[in-house]
Amino acid sequence: MAVAMVTTAVRQTPTIDEPVYVGTAVVYVQQHDLRYNPEHPPLGKLIIASGLVFAHPHLDAGFTGDQTALGKRVLYESGNDPWRLMLWARLPVIVLTLLFGLVVLAFGSELAGRKGGLVALALYAFSPDVIAHGSLATLDVPACGFLLTSVWLLWRARRRPLLHLPLAGAALGATVATKMSMLPAVPVLLLLAVVSVWRAPGLGTRAKVRRALAAASGVALVALAVVWATYLAVDPRLRWTTPADLPAVHGLRALLSDLLPFPQPYRDGMRVQFGYENQAWGGFLFGRHYRGALWYYLPAALLVKTPLGTLVLWAAGALAMVAVPRLRPAAPYLLIPSALLLATAMSGSRDLGVRYALFLPLFLAVAASAVVTFRRRWAYAVTAALVLFVAVSSLRTYPYYLPYSNEAFGGPSKTRLRLHDSNVDWGQDLGRLADRLDERYPQERIWLVYKGAGVPSYYGIEADDPRTVPPGEVHGLLVVSDSSIAKADGQLATLIDASTPIDEVGHSITIFRRP
C-alpha cells in the first residue's frame, strides 16, 4: 500500500481541491491567518503543512486573492516547484493512511482474532478508493480514519474506560476538526461512550447513569478542546472577521451554527457548507447528466467502484456481526455510524464521488473480519479466494486508482461512461498528458478542455480553448477531460460528436482527432 500510494503521488498533478488546501496550509504556517478555506476546519491542513514545511514554499505576504487564486499563486506563480510541493504535502496524509491501517488491523483482531484482523487489513490495504485518496493532500481519509480510531477506542473503553475514553474524545475532536461532514456522527459516538461504561459490574442504576453521563460529557469536552486547540494552533489570538458574503441559513441549520460551542470561524464555516448544500450541482450517473442530486447516487457509485470481492465480504461480515452472539455487542460500534453517515451523505446535494462515503471501506473492512467466525473449512477457503480476487483487481488498476471500477462494470477504462468528477477525472493526469503529447503528437495544434487545478502551460502544453472560436476553426487534436465530456453540451458536444477518439491518458483524458 505504501509503494502504491507514494508512486502514485509522485506522478499525479494537483487535483481540484488540493491547491486550496496547500495554499491555506502555507498561509497557516507563515501568516497564522484563518481567512482562507473556512468551510473546512484547520486540522487536515495543519497535517498537510507538516510536510510542506520541509519544502520551504514561498508566498508573498501581500497576496489578497481568493483561495483558488491562492493555490495557483503558491504552486505556479511564486517560484516554487509544484511537483516537489505536492509530494511533500501528500506524504503526511500517506503516513496517516498507513497508520489507520494499523487501527483496522487491531480492531479486526480484537473482534475476530489474528485471521480476522488480516482479512480486515487486506481489504483496507487493497482498497482502490483508500489508496487513491490516501495519496492526495485532501481531507477525506484523515477525517474517516480519525472517526474509526475514536470508535475503536470507545470499544476498548468497555474494559479500561479511564484510559480509552479521553483518547476516544481526542480522536473524535480530530475528526470534526478535519471535516464538518462528520458532525452527524458525534451524537452516535457519545451514545457509544454511554454503552461502553453502562455494563460496569457492581453498580446500581443511579451510579450507572452518573457514570454514563460523565463518560459522554468527558468525551464531548475533550473533543471540543481539540477543535479549539486546532484553531488556536493557527492563530493564538483567534483573529477572525465573518465574511460579508456568508450564505443566509435558516431553521435548524441556523440554530446549530449559532449554538454549538465551537470557535466563530468554525460556525461560519458551517454556514458556508450549508450554502453549498443549497446549490444545485451537476451530476452524472450511468451515462445520464442531470441537475440536482439522486438519493441512490452513492450506493450506485459504490457498486461500481468497490471491488466485487470486497462487496461480498462487507455483506458477509455485517451478517456475521448480527448472527454471531459474541460479536453482536460490536455491531452498533461499526454498523450504526456507517449507516447514519451514509444516509446523511445520500441526502446531500453533491453527487461528486464516493469520497463522500469513504468511511465505508474503513468501517466495513473491520466488520468483514467477522467472516472468519463462520468456523467452516469452506468459509476460510471462500474468504481467502475473495481476498485474493480483491488484491488482483487492485493491483491490475495500478497506478490509476482514481478511475477504478470493478470488473462487472468494465474496469478503469470504462468508469468515464458511468461516473465523473473525483470518481474518475479530478485533474490528476495533466503531467501524463504533457508527456503523451510530447511523445506521440509533437508540433500538432492542441485544443484543450481541462477540468482541474493544474496550469497546462507550466507542463509545456500550449493549447487553446475550442469553445472560444467557431467550430470550423478547430482542427488538429481536441483534448478533453472525461468529466467535461460527461457534462458536455452546446458547442463542446458538437465538437466531440464530429471528432474521432484516437487516444486516452490515465483513463481520465480523451484525445480526439479533428479533420
Protein backbone atom coordinates (compact mmCIF):
# COMPACT_ATOMS: atom_id res chain seq x y z
CA MET A 1 0.00 0.00 0.00
CA ALA A 2 2.83 2.39 0.83
CA VAL A 3 4.52 1.71 -2.51
CA ALA A 4 1.27 2.19 -4.40
CA MET A 5 0.47 5.49 -2.69
CA VAL A 6 3.96 7.02 -2.93
CA THR A 7 4.50 6.10 -6.57
CA THR A 8 1.02 7.37 -7.40
CA ALA A 9 1.60 10.64 -5.52
CA VAL A 10 4.85 11.27 -7.39
CA ARG A 11 3.19 11.11 -10.82
CA GLN A 12 -0.10 12.92 -10.27
CA THR A 13 -0.60 16.62 -10.88
CA PRO A 14 -2.74 18.60 -8.40
CA THR A 15 -6.35 17.51 -8.19
CA ILE A 16 -9.10 20.10 -7.99
CA ASP A 17 -9.19 20.50 -4.19
CA GLU A 18 -5.50 20.12 -3.37
CA PRO A 19 -4.14 23.59 -4.32
CA VAL A 20 -6.64 25.26 -2.00
CA TYR A 21 -5.54 23.10 0.92
CA VAL A 22 -1.86 23.56 0.10
CA GLY A 23 -2.19 27.34 -0.22
CA THR A 24 -4.19 27.54 3.01
CA ALA A 25 -1.61 25.40 4.81
CA VAL A 26 1.16 27.77 3.70
CA VAL A 27 -0.80 30.78 5.00
CA TYR A 28 -1.41 28.97 8.30
CA VAL A 29 2.30 28.42 8.84
CA GLN A 30 3.68 31.68 7.50
CA GLN A 31 0.97 34.20 8.38
CA HIS A 32 -1.03 32.49 11.17
CA ASP A 33 -4.21 33.60 9.45
CA LEU A 34 -7.53 31.71 9.29
CA ARG A 35 -9.13 33.69 6.48
CA TYR A 36 -8.81 31.03 3.77
CA ASN A 37 -10.93 27.89 3.34
CA PRO A 38 -13.13 28.40 6.44
CA GLU A 39 -15.56 25.74 5.21
CA HIS A 40 -13.12 23.14 6.46
CA PRO A 41 -11.57 23.22 9.98
CA PRO A 42 -7.78 23.58 10.25
CA LEU A 43 -6.52 20.15 11.36
CA GLY A 44 -6.36 18.46 7.97
CA LYS A 45 -4.50 21.43 6.52
CA LEU A 46 -2.14 21.51 9.50
CA ILE A 47 -1.35 17.85 8.75
CA ILE A 48 -0.58 18.83 5.15
CA ALA A 49 1.52 21.73 6.46
CA SER A 50 3.64 19.32 8.50
CA GLY A 51 5.06 18.08 5.21
CA LEU A 52 5.12 21.40 3.38
CA VAL A 53 7.45 23.00 5.93
CA PHE A 54 10.24 20.75 4.60
CA ALA A 55 9.69 22.14 1.09
CA HIS A 56 10.12 25.77 2.29
CA PRO A 57 7.42 27.23 -0.01
CA HIS A 58 7.50 30.92 -0.86
CA LEU A 59 4.41 33.15 -0.83
CA ASP A 60 4.43 36.95 -0.94
CA ALA A 61 2.84 38.31 2.22
CA GLY A 62 0.83 40.90 0.30
CA PHE A 63 -1.28 38.42 -1.65
CA THR A 64 -5.01 39.24 -1.38
CA GLY A 65 -6.79 36.94 -3.86
CA ASP A 66 -9.37 34.26 -3.10
CA GLN A 67 -8.48 30.70 -2.08
CA THR A 68 -8.48 29.38 -5.66
CA ALA A 69 -6.08 32.09 -6.75
CA LEU A 70 -4.03 31.43 -3.61
CA GLY A 71 -3.45 27.80 -4.59
CA LYS A 72 -2.43 28.82 -8.09
CA ARG A 73 -0.10 31.50 -6.73
CA VAL A 74 1.68 29.10 -4.35
CA LEU A 75 2.10 26.30 -6.86
CA TYR A 76 2.79 28.13 -10.12
CA GLU A 77 3.48 31.84 -9.62
CA SER A 78 5.86 32.13 -6.65
CA GLY A 79 8.94 30.35 -7.91
CA ASN A 80 8.09 27.08 -6.16
CA ASP A 81 8.38 23.63 -7.74
CA PRO A 82 4.79 22.28 -7.80
CA TRP A 83 5.96 18.66 -8.14
CA ARG A 84 8.07 18.96 -5.02
CA LEU A 85 5.44 20.89 -3.07
CA MET A 86 2.70 18.40 -3.89
CA LEU A 87 4.82 15.41 -2.87
CA TRP A 88 5.68 16.97 0.49
CA ALA A 89 2.03 17.94 1.01
CA ARG A 90 0.87 14.39 0.27
CA LEU A 91 3.41 12.50 2.36
CA PRO A 92 1.82 13.24 5.78
CA VAL A 93 -1.56 12.01 4.51
CA ILE A 94 0.13 8.87 3.17
CA VAL A 95 1.76 8.19 6.55
CA LEU A 96 -1.54 8.79 8.34
CA THR A 97 -3.34 6.44 5.94
CA LEU A 98 -0.84 3.69 6.74
CA LEU A 99 -1.27 4.27 10.48
CA PHE A 100 -5.03 3.95 10.14
CA GLY A 101 -4.34 0.56 8.58
CA LEU A 102 -2.88 -0.48 11.92
CA VAL A 103 -6.12 0.62 13.61
CA VAL A 104 -8.07 -1.54 11.15
CA LEU A 105 -5.76 -4.47 11.92
CA ALA A 106 -6.01 -4.02 15.70
CA PHE A 107 -9.79 -3.56 15.70
CA GLY A 108 -10.36 -6.57 13.46
CA SER A 109 -8.00 -8.72 15.54
CA GLU A 110 -9.80 -7.82 18.76
CA LEU A 111 -13.13 -8.79 17.24
CA ALA A 112 -12.20 -11.97 15.36
CA GLY A 113 -8.61 -12.93 16.14
CA ARG A 114 -5.49 -12.69 14.04
CA LYS A 115 -7.06 -14.19 10.91
CA GLY A 116 -9.94 -11.73 11.10
CA GLY A 117 -7.53 -8.84 11.57
CA LEU A 118 -5.58 -9.86 8.46
CA VAL A 119 -8.78 -10.05 6.41
CA ALA A 120 -9.70 -6.53 7.54
CA LEU A 121 -6.21 -5.20 6.82
CA ALA A 122 -6.14 -6.81 3.37
CA LEU A 123 -9.44 -5.20 2.36
CA TYR A 124 -8.20 -1.84 3.62
CA ALA A 125 -4.73 -2.04 2.09
CA PHE A 126 -6.02 -3.10 -1.34
CA SER A 127 -8.97 -0.68 -1.42
CA PRO A 128 -8.57 1.39 -4.62
CA ASP A 129 -10.54 4.28 -3.09
CA VAL A 130 -8.43 4.39 0.07
CA ILE A 131 -5.20 4.20 -1.96
CA ALA A 132 -6.44 6.89 -4.36
CA HIS A 133 -7.47 9.41 -1.72
CA GLY A 134 -4.82 8.40 0.80
CA SER A 135 -2.19 9.52 -1.71
CA LEU A 136 -3.65 13.03 -2.07
CA ALA A 137 -3.32 16.12 0.09
CA THR A 138 -7.03 16.13 0.90
CA LEU A 139 -9.16 15.68 4.00
CA ASP A 140 -11.32 12.62 3.34
CA VAL A 141 -9.04 9.82 4.58
CA PRO A 142 -7.81 11.72 7.67
CA ALA A 143 -11.38 12.50 8.78
CA CYS A 144 -12.60 8.94 8.26
CA GLY A 145 -9.52 7.44 9.89
CA PHE A 146 -9.84 9.61 12.99
CA LEU A 147 -13.50 8.60 13.25
CA LEU A 148 -12.68 4.88 13.09
CA THR A 149 -9.93 5.41 15.68
CA SER A 150 -12.43 7.06 18.02
CA VAL A 151 -14.89 4.18 17.61
CA TRP A 152 -12.11 1.62 18.25
CA LEU A 153 -11.09 3.43 21.43
CA LEU A 154 -14.71 3.54 22.59
CA TRP A 155 -14.88 -0.22 22.03
CA ARG A 156 -11.75 -0.67 24.13
CA ALA A 157 -13.20 1.62 26.81
CA ARG A 158 -15.54 -1.20 27.77
CA ARG A 159 -12.61 -2.68 29.72
CA ARG A 160 -10.44 0.35 30.58
CA PRO A 161 -12.65 3.45 30.43
CA LEU A 162 -10.31 5.83 32.28
CA LEU A 163 -7.59 5.26 29.70
CA HIS A 164 -9.56 4.99 26.48
CA LEU A 165 -12.45 7.46 26.88
CA PRO A 166 -10.20 10.57 26.85
CA LEU A 167 -8.31 9.16 23.87
CA ALA A 168 -11.60 8.49 22.10
CA GLY A 169 -12.61 12.10 22.77
CA ALA A 170 -9.35 13.34 21.30
CA ALA A 171 -9.84 11.22 18.17
CA LEU A 172 -13.44 12.44 17.86
CA GLY A 173 -12.23 16.01 18.19
CA ALA A 174 -9.66 15.37 15.45
CA THR A 175 -12.47 14.02 13.26
CA VAL A 176 -14.67 17.11 13.45
CA ALA A 177 -11.60 19.37 13.38
CA THR A 178 -10.81 17.91 9.95
CA LYS A 179 -14.21 17.80 8.20
CA MET A 180 -17.57 19.21 9.27
CA SER A 181 -19.42 16.47 7.40
CA MET A 182 -18.51 14.16 10.30
CA LEU A 183 -20.61 16.13 12.80
CA PRO A 184 -23.68 13.83 12.44
CA ALA A 185 -21.60 11.02 13.95
CA VAL A 186 -20.96 12.92 17.19
CA PRO A 187 -24.26 12.05 18.95
CA VAL A 188 -23.83 8.40 17.97
CA LEU A 189 -20.33 8.27 19.41
CA LEU A 190 -21.47 9.93 22.62
CA LEU A 191 -24.14 7.24 22.94
CA LEU A 192 -21.47 4.61 22.31
CA ALA A 193 -19.49 6.15 25.17
CA VAL A 194 -22.53 5.58 27.37
CA VAL A 195 -22.83 1.98 26.15
CA SER A 196 -19.15 1.35 26.84
CA VAL A 197 -19.45 2.16 30.54
CA TRP A 198 -23.05 1.14 31.23
CA ARG A 199 -22.45 -2.53 31.96
CA ALA A 200 -19.87 -1.99 34.69
CA PRO A 201 -20.32 -4.72 37.33
CA GLY A 202 -21.35 -3.95 40.88
CA LEU A 203 -23.06 -0.62 40.20
CA GLY A 204 -26.67 0.33 40.78
CA THR A 205 -28.83 2.09 38.22
CA ARG A 206 -28.19 5.60 39.59
CA ALA A 207 -24.46 5.01 39.70
CA LYS A 208 -24.55 3.74 36.14
CA VAL A 209 -26.47 6.81 34.99
CA ARG A 210 -23.96 9.13 36.65
CA ARG A 211 -21.10 7.16 35.16
CA ALA A 212 -22.67 7.20 31.69
CA LEU A 213 -23.31 10.95 31.81
CA ALA A 214 -19.76 11.55 32.99
CA ALA A 215 -18.40 9.40 30.15
CA ALA A 216 -20.39 11.17 27.43
CA SER A 217 -19.64 14.61 28.89
CA GLY A 218 -15.94 13.85 29.19
CA VAL A 219 -15.68 12.63 25.61
CA ALA A 220 -17.57 15.70 24.38
CA LEU A 221 -15.40 18.12 26.37
CA VAL A 222 -12.15 16.56 25.17
CA ALA A 223 -13.40 16.64 21.57
CA LEU A 224 -14.39 20.29 21.94
CA ALA A 225 -11.00 21.12 23.40
CA VAL A 226 -9.26 19.53 20.41
CA VAL A 227 -11.33 21.62 17.97
CA TRP A 228 -10.48 24.83 19.83
CA ALA A 229 -6.81 23.81 20.01
CA THR A 230 -6.55 23.40 16.24
CA TYR A 231 -7.78 26.96 15.67
CA LEU A 232 -5.52 28.36 18.36
CA ALA A 233 -2.58 26.48 16.86
CA VAL A 234 -3.04 28.53 13.69
CA ASP A 235 -3.74 31.85 15.39
CA PRO A 236 -3.36 32.04 19.19
CA ARG A 237 -5.25 35.34 19.18
CA LEU A 238 -8.06 33.84 17.08
CA ARG A 239 -8.42 36.89 14.87
CA TRP A 240 -11.41 36.41 12.63
CA THR A 241 -13.78 38.57 10.62
CA THR A 242 -17.01 36.99 9.45
CA PRO A 243 -17.10 37.14 5.62
CA ALA A 244 -19.55 39.64 4.20
CA ASP A 245 -20.87 37.15 1.63
CA LEU A 246 -21.70 34.42 4.14
CA PRO A 247 -24.78 32.45 2.92
CA ALA A 248 -28.05 33.02 4.74
CA VAL A 249 -29.06 29.96 6.78
CA HIS A 250 -32.42 29.37 8.42
CA GLY A 251 -34.18 26.88 10.67
CA LEU A 252 -32.32 24.07 12.41
CA ARG A 253 -29.14 24.76 10.45
CA ALA A 254 -29.05 28.34 11.69
CA LEU A 255 -29.70 27.14 15.24
CA LEU A 256 -26.83 24.65 15.07
CA SER A 257 -24.37 27.16 13.65
CA ASP A 258 -25.34 29.69 16.32
CA LEU A 259 -25.45 27.48 19.41
CA LEU A 260 -22.69 24.90 19.02
CA PRO A 261 -19.79 25.85 21.33
CA PHE A 262 -17.18 25.94 18.56
CA PRO A 263 -14.99 28.91 17.58
CA GLN A 264 -16.70 31.55 15.44
CA PRO A 265 -14.73 30.63 12.27
CA TYR A 266 -15.92 27.03 12.67
CA ARG A 267 -19.55 28.12 12.94
CA ASP A 268 -19.17 30.46 9.96
CA GLY A 269 -17.61 27.59 8.04
CA MET A 270 -20.72 25.54 8.82
CA ARG A 271 -22.79 28.27 7.16
CA VAL A 272 -20.58 28.09 4.07
CA GLN A 273 -21.14 24.32 3.91
CA PHE A 274 -24.89 24.77 4.35
CA GLY A 275 -24.75 27.27 1.48
CA TYR A 276 -23.14 24.62 -0.74
CA GLU A 277 -25.95 22.24 0.16
CA ASN A 278 -28.49 24.81 -1.07
CA GLN A 279 -26.94 24.87 -4.55
CA ALA A 280 -27.99 22.70 -7.47
CA TRP A 281 -24.90 20.77 -8.55
CA GLY A 282 -24.46 18.80 -11.74
CA GLY A 283 -24.32 15.00 -11.53
CA PHE A 284 -23.52 12.14 -13.91
CA LEU A 285 -24.55 8.53 -13.38
CA PHE A 286 -24.64 5.64 -15.88
CA GLY A 287 -24.44 7.99 -18.86
CA ARG A 288 -27.06 10.44 -17.61
CA HIS A 289 -26.16 14.07 -16.93
CA TYR A 290 -28.59 15.74 -14.54
CA ARG A 291 -29.00 18.75 -12.27
CA GLY A 292 -29.53 18.28 -8.56
CA ALA A 293 -28.94 15.07 -6.60
CA LEU A 294 -30.17 11.48 -6.77
CA TRP A 295 -30.75 9.77 -3.42
CA TYR A 296 -29.36 6.49 -4.75
CA TYR A 297 -26.24 8.01 -6.31
CA LEU A 298 -23.77 6.92 -3.62
CA PRO A 299 -24.96 3.29 -3.39
CA ALA A 300 -24.84 3.03 -7.18
CA ALA A 301 -21.38 4.63 -7.37
CA LEU A 302 -20.09 2.36 -4.60
CA LEU A 303 -21.38 -0.64 -6.52
CA VAL A 304 -19.23 0.46 -9.48
CA LYS A 305 -16.10 1.49 -7.59
CA THR A 306 -15.78 -1.20 -4.92
CA PRO A 307 -14.02 -4.50 -5.76
CA LEU A 308 -16.52 -7.31 -6.17
CA GLY A 309 -14.82 -9.46 -3.53
CA THR A 310 -14.97 -6.56 -1.09
CA LEU A 311 -18.71 -6.13 -1.62
CA VAL A 312 -19.29 -9.80 -0.79
CA LEU A 313 -17.07 -9.70 2.31
CA TRP A 314 -18.68 -6.47 3.54
CA ALA A 315 -22.11 -8.09 3.36
CA ALA A 316 -20.93 -11.35 4.93
CA GLY A 317 -19.14 -9.51 7.73
CA ALA A 318 -22.18 -7.39 8.57
CA LEU A 319 -24.31 -10.55 8.62
CA ALA A 320 -21.81 -12.30 10.91
CA MET A 321 -21.78 -9.38 13.33
CA VAL A 322 -25.54 -9.71 13.74
CA ALA A 323 -25.70 -13.51 13.65
CA VAL A 324 -22.79 -14.48 15.92
CA PRO A 325 -23.73 -13.82 19.57
CA ARG A 326 -20.27 -12.85 20.81
CA LEU A 327 -19.92 -10.25 18.01
CA ARG A 328 -23.29 -8.57 18.48
CA PRO A 329 -22.01 -6.06 21.06
CA ALA A 330 -19.66 -4.71 18.38
CA ALA A 331 -22.36 -4.26 15.74
CA PRO A 332 -23.54 -0.83 17.00
CA TYR A 333 -19.96 0.44 17.01
CA LEU A 334 -19.35 -0.38 13.35
CA LEU A 335 -22.71 -0.59 11.61
CA ILE A 336 -24.69 2.28 13.13
CA PRO A 337 -22.14 5.07 12.46
CA SER A 338 -21.67 3.73 8.92
CA ALA A 339 -25.42 3.65 8.25
CA LEU A 340 -26.02 7.10 9.72
CA LEU A 341 -23.19 8.78 7.81
CA LEU A 342 -24.19 7.06 4.58
CA ALA A 343 -27.79 8.21 5.00
CA THR A 344 -26.56 11.75 5.67
CA ALA A 345 -24.28 11.70 2.62
CA MET A 346 -27.10 10.31 0.45
CA SER A 347 -29.29 13.25 1.42
CA GLY A 348 -26.62 15.77 0.35
CA SER A 349 -26.71 17.89 -2.79
CA ARG A 350 -23.29 16.98 -4.24
CA ASP A 351 -23.13 13.83 -6.36
CA LEU A 352 -19.41 14.24 -6.93
CA GLY A 353 -17.81 10.98 -5.83
CA VAL A 354 -17.62 8.05 -3.46
CA ARG A 355 -15.14 10.04 -1.37
CA TYR A 356 -18.22 11.36 0.45
CA ALA A 357 -18.67 7.80 1.74
CA LEU A 358 -15.02 6.92 2.23
CA PHE A 359 -15.73 5.84 5.80
CA LEU A 360 -17.30 2.64 4.45
CA PRO A 361 -14.04 1.00 3.25
CA LEU A 362 -12.67 1.54 6.78
CA PHE A 363 -15.62 0.54 8.94
CA LEU A 364 -16.79 -2.34 6.78
CA ALA A 365 -13.27 -3.71 6.39
CA VAL A 366 -13.29 -4.16 10.17
CA ALA A 367 -16.78 -5.66 10.02
CA ALA A 368 -15.55 -8.09 7.36
CA SER A 369 -13.12 -9.55 9.89
CA ALA A 370 -16.15 -11.32 11.35
CA VAL A 371 -16.37 -13.72 8.39
CA VAL A 372 -13.72 -15.94 9.97
CA THR A 373 -16.10 -16.65 12.86
CA PHE A 374 -18.07 -18.88 10.50
CA ARG A 375 -15.96 -21.84 11.52
CA ARG A 376 -16.30 -23.90 8.39
CA ARG A 377 -13.43 -25.01 6.21
CA TRP A 378 -15.24 -23.83 3.10
CA ALA A 379 -15.74 -20.42 4.67
CA TYR A 380 -11.98 -19.99 5.12
CA ALA A 381 -11.36 -21.06 1.51
CA VAL A 382 -14.02 -18.72 0.12
CA THR A 383 -12.72 -15.81 2.22
CA ALA A 384 -9.15 -16.39 1.04
CA ALA A 385 -10.30 -16.58 -2.59
CA LEU A 386 -12.28 -13.35 -2.28
CA VAL A 387 -9.36 -11.51 -0.65
CA LEU A 388 -7.09 -12.73 -3.46
CA PHE A 389 -9.64 -11.52 -6.03
CA VAL A 390 -9.64 -8.09 -4.37
CA ALA A 391 -5.83 -7.96 -4.40
CA VAL A 392 -5.61 -8.88 -8.08
CA SER A 393 -8.30 -6.34 -9.03
CA SER A 394 -6.48 -3.62 -7.09
CA LEU A 395 -3.06 -4.44 -8.50
CA ARG A 396 -4.40 -4.50 -12.06
CA THR A 397 -5.57 -0.89 -11.82
CA TYR A 398 -2.15 0.40 -10.67
CA PRO A 399 -1.29 3.28 -10.94
CA TYR A 400 -4.72 4.60 -11.98
CA TYR A 401 -6.62 4.29 -8.71
CA LEU A 402 -8.92 7.32 -9.00
CA PRO A 403 -10.75 5.96 -12.10
CA TYR A 404 -11.03 2.41 -10.72
CA SER A 405 -14.18 0.45 -11.33
CA ASN A 406 -14.66 -3.26 -10.78
CA GLU A 407 -14.76 -5.98 -13.44
CA ALA A 408 -18.56 -6.08 -13.60
CA PHE A 409 -18.51 -2.53 -14.95
CA GLY A 410 -15.58 -2.90 -17.35
CA GLY A 411 -12.65 -1.77 -15.22
CA PRO A 412 -10.94 1.64 -15.07
CA SER A 413 -11.15 2.31 -18.81
CA LYS A 414 -14.96 2.29 -18.66
CA THR A 415 -15.54 4.31 -15.49
CA ARG A 416 -15.93 7.53 -17.50
CA LEU A 417 -19.06 6.07 -19.14
CA ARG A 418 -20.82 5.78 -15.78
CA LEU A 419 -19.34 8.32 -13.35
CA HIS A 420 -17.48 11.61 -13.34
CA ASP A 421 -15.55 14.08 -11.17
CA SER A 422 -13.45 12.56 -8.33
CA ASN A 423 -14.63 9.08 -9.32
CA VAL A 424 -12.58 9.19 -12.49
CA ASP A 425 -11.18 12.58 -13.50
CA TRP A 426 -10.09 15.07 -10.87
CA GLY A 427 -7.37 16.78 -12.92
CA GLN A 428 -4.70 14.29 -11.85
CA ASP A 429 -3.25 13.43 -15.27
CA LEU A 430 -2.15 16.77 -16.69
CA GLY A 431 1.52 15.80 -16.37
CA ARG A 432 0.90 12.47 -18.09
CA LEU A 433 -0.94 14.32 -20.85
CA ALA A 434 2.07 16.56 -21.40
CA ASP A 435 4.32 13.52 -21.75
CA ARG A 436 1.91 11.82 -24.16
CA LEU A 437 1.59 14.87 -26.40
CA ASP A 438 5.37 15.29 -26.48
CA GLU A 439 5.98 11.62 -27.30
CA ARG A 440 3.27 10.93 -29.86
CA TYR A 441 1.96 14.24 -31.16
CA PRO A 442 4.82 16.77 -31.37
CA GLN A 443 4.22 20.01 -33.26
CA GLU A 444 0.46 19.40 -33.57
CA ARG A 445 -2.15 22.07 -32.86
CA ILE A 446 -3.77 21.39 -29.47
CA TRP A 447 -7.25 22.36 -28.36
CA LEU A 448 -7.81 21.65 -24.69
CA VAL A 449 -10.79 21.48 -22.34
CA TYR A 450 -9.23 20.56 -18.99
CA LYS A 451 -11.12 20.08 -15.73
CA GLY A 452 -8.60 20.51 -12.96
CA ALA A 453 -6.47 22.87 -10.92
CA GLY A 454 -3.20 22.47 -12.82
CA VAL A 455 -1.83 25.07 -15.21
CA PRO A 456 -1.29 23.40 -18.62
CA SER A 457 1.38 25.85 -19.79
CA TYR A 458 3.58 25.01 -16.80
CA TYR A 459 3.78 21.41 -18.03
CA GLY A 460 4.60 22.52 -21.57
CA ILE A 461 1.09 22.22 -23.03
CA GLU A 462 0.39 25.17 -25.31
CA ALA A 463 -3.28 24.91 -26.16
CA ASP A 464 -6.37 26.97 -26.87
CA ASP A 465 -9.94 26.57 -25.68
CA PRO A 466 -12.07 25.28 -28.59
CA ARG A 467 -15.19 26.84 -27.09
CA THR A 468 -13.91 30.35 -27.78
CA VAL A 469 -13.81 30.09 -31.60
CA PRO A 470 -16.26 28.92 -34.28
CA PRO A 471 -16.30 25.09 -34.65
CA GLY A 472 -14.99 25.33 -38.20
CA GLU A 473 -11.69 26.72 -36.92
CA VAL A 474 -10.98 23.77 -34.61
CA HIS A 475 -8.58 21.41 -36.40
CA GLY A 476 -5.89 19.07 -35.09
CA LEU A 477 -6.04 17.47 -31.64
CA LEU A 478 -9.03 18.03 -29.39
CA VAL A 479 -8.11 17.01 -25.82
CA VAL A 480 -10.96 16.84 -23.30
CA SER A 481 -11.11 15.78 -19.65
CA ASP A 482 -13.59 12.95 -19.25
CA SER A 483 -15.62 14.87 -16.66
CA SER A 484 -16.08 17.62 -19.26
CA ILE A 485 -17.16 15.00 -21.80
CA ALA A 486 -19.72 13.63 -19.34
CA LYS A 487 -21.36 17.04 -18.99
CA ALA A 488 -20.69 18.36 -22.50
CA ASP A 489 -23.38 20.40 -24.16
CA GLY A 490 -23.64 23.09 -26.81
CA GLN A 491 -20.53 23.69 -28.88
CA LEU A 492 -18.32 21.25 -26.98
CA ALA A 493 -20.81 18.42 -27.54
CA THR A 494 -20.93 19.29 -31.23
CA LEU A 495 -17.14 19.26 -31.49
CA ILE A 496 -16.87 15.90 -29.72
CA ASP A 497 -19.55 14.30 -31.88
CA ALA A 498 -17.71 15.35 -35.04
CA SER A 499 -14.30 14.12 -33.81
CA THR A 500 -12.59 10.73 -33.75
CA PRO A 501 -11.18 9.42 -30.45
CA ILE A 502 -7.59 8.27 -31.02
CA ASP A 503 -6.01 8.03 -27.56
CA GLU A 504 -6.62 8.29 -23.82
CA VAL A 505 -4.43 9.30 -20.87
CA GLY A 506 -4.77 7.75 -17.41
CA HIS A 507 -8.38 6.72 -18.11
CA SER A 508 -9.29 10.35 -17.36
CA ILE A 509 -8.49 12.37 -20.50
CA THR A 510 -9.51 11.55 -24.08
CA ILE A 511 -7.66 12.74 -27.20
CA PHE A 512 -9.71 13.26 -30.37
CA ARG A 513 -8.64 13.97 -33.93
CA ARG A 514 -10.33 16.86 -35.72
CA PRO A 515 -10.04 16.88 -39.53
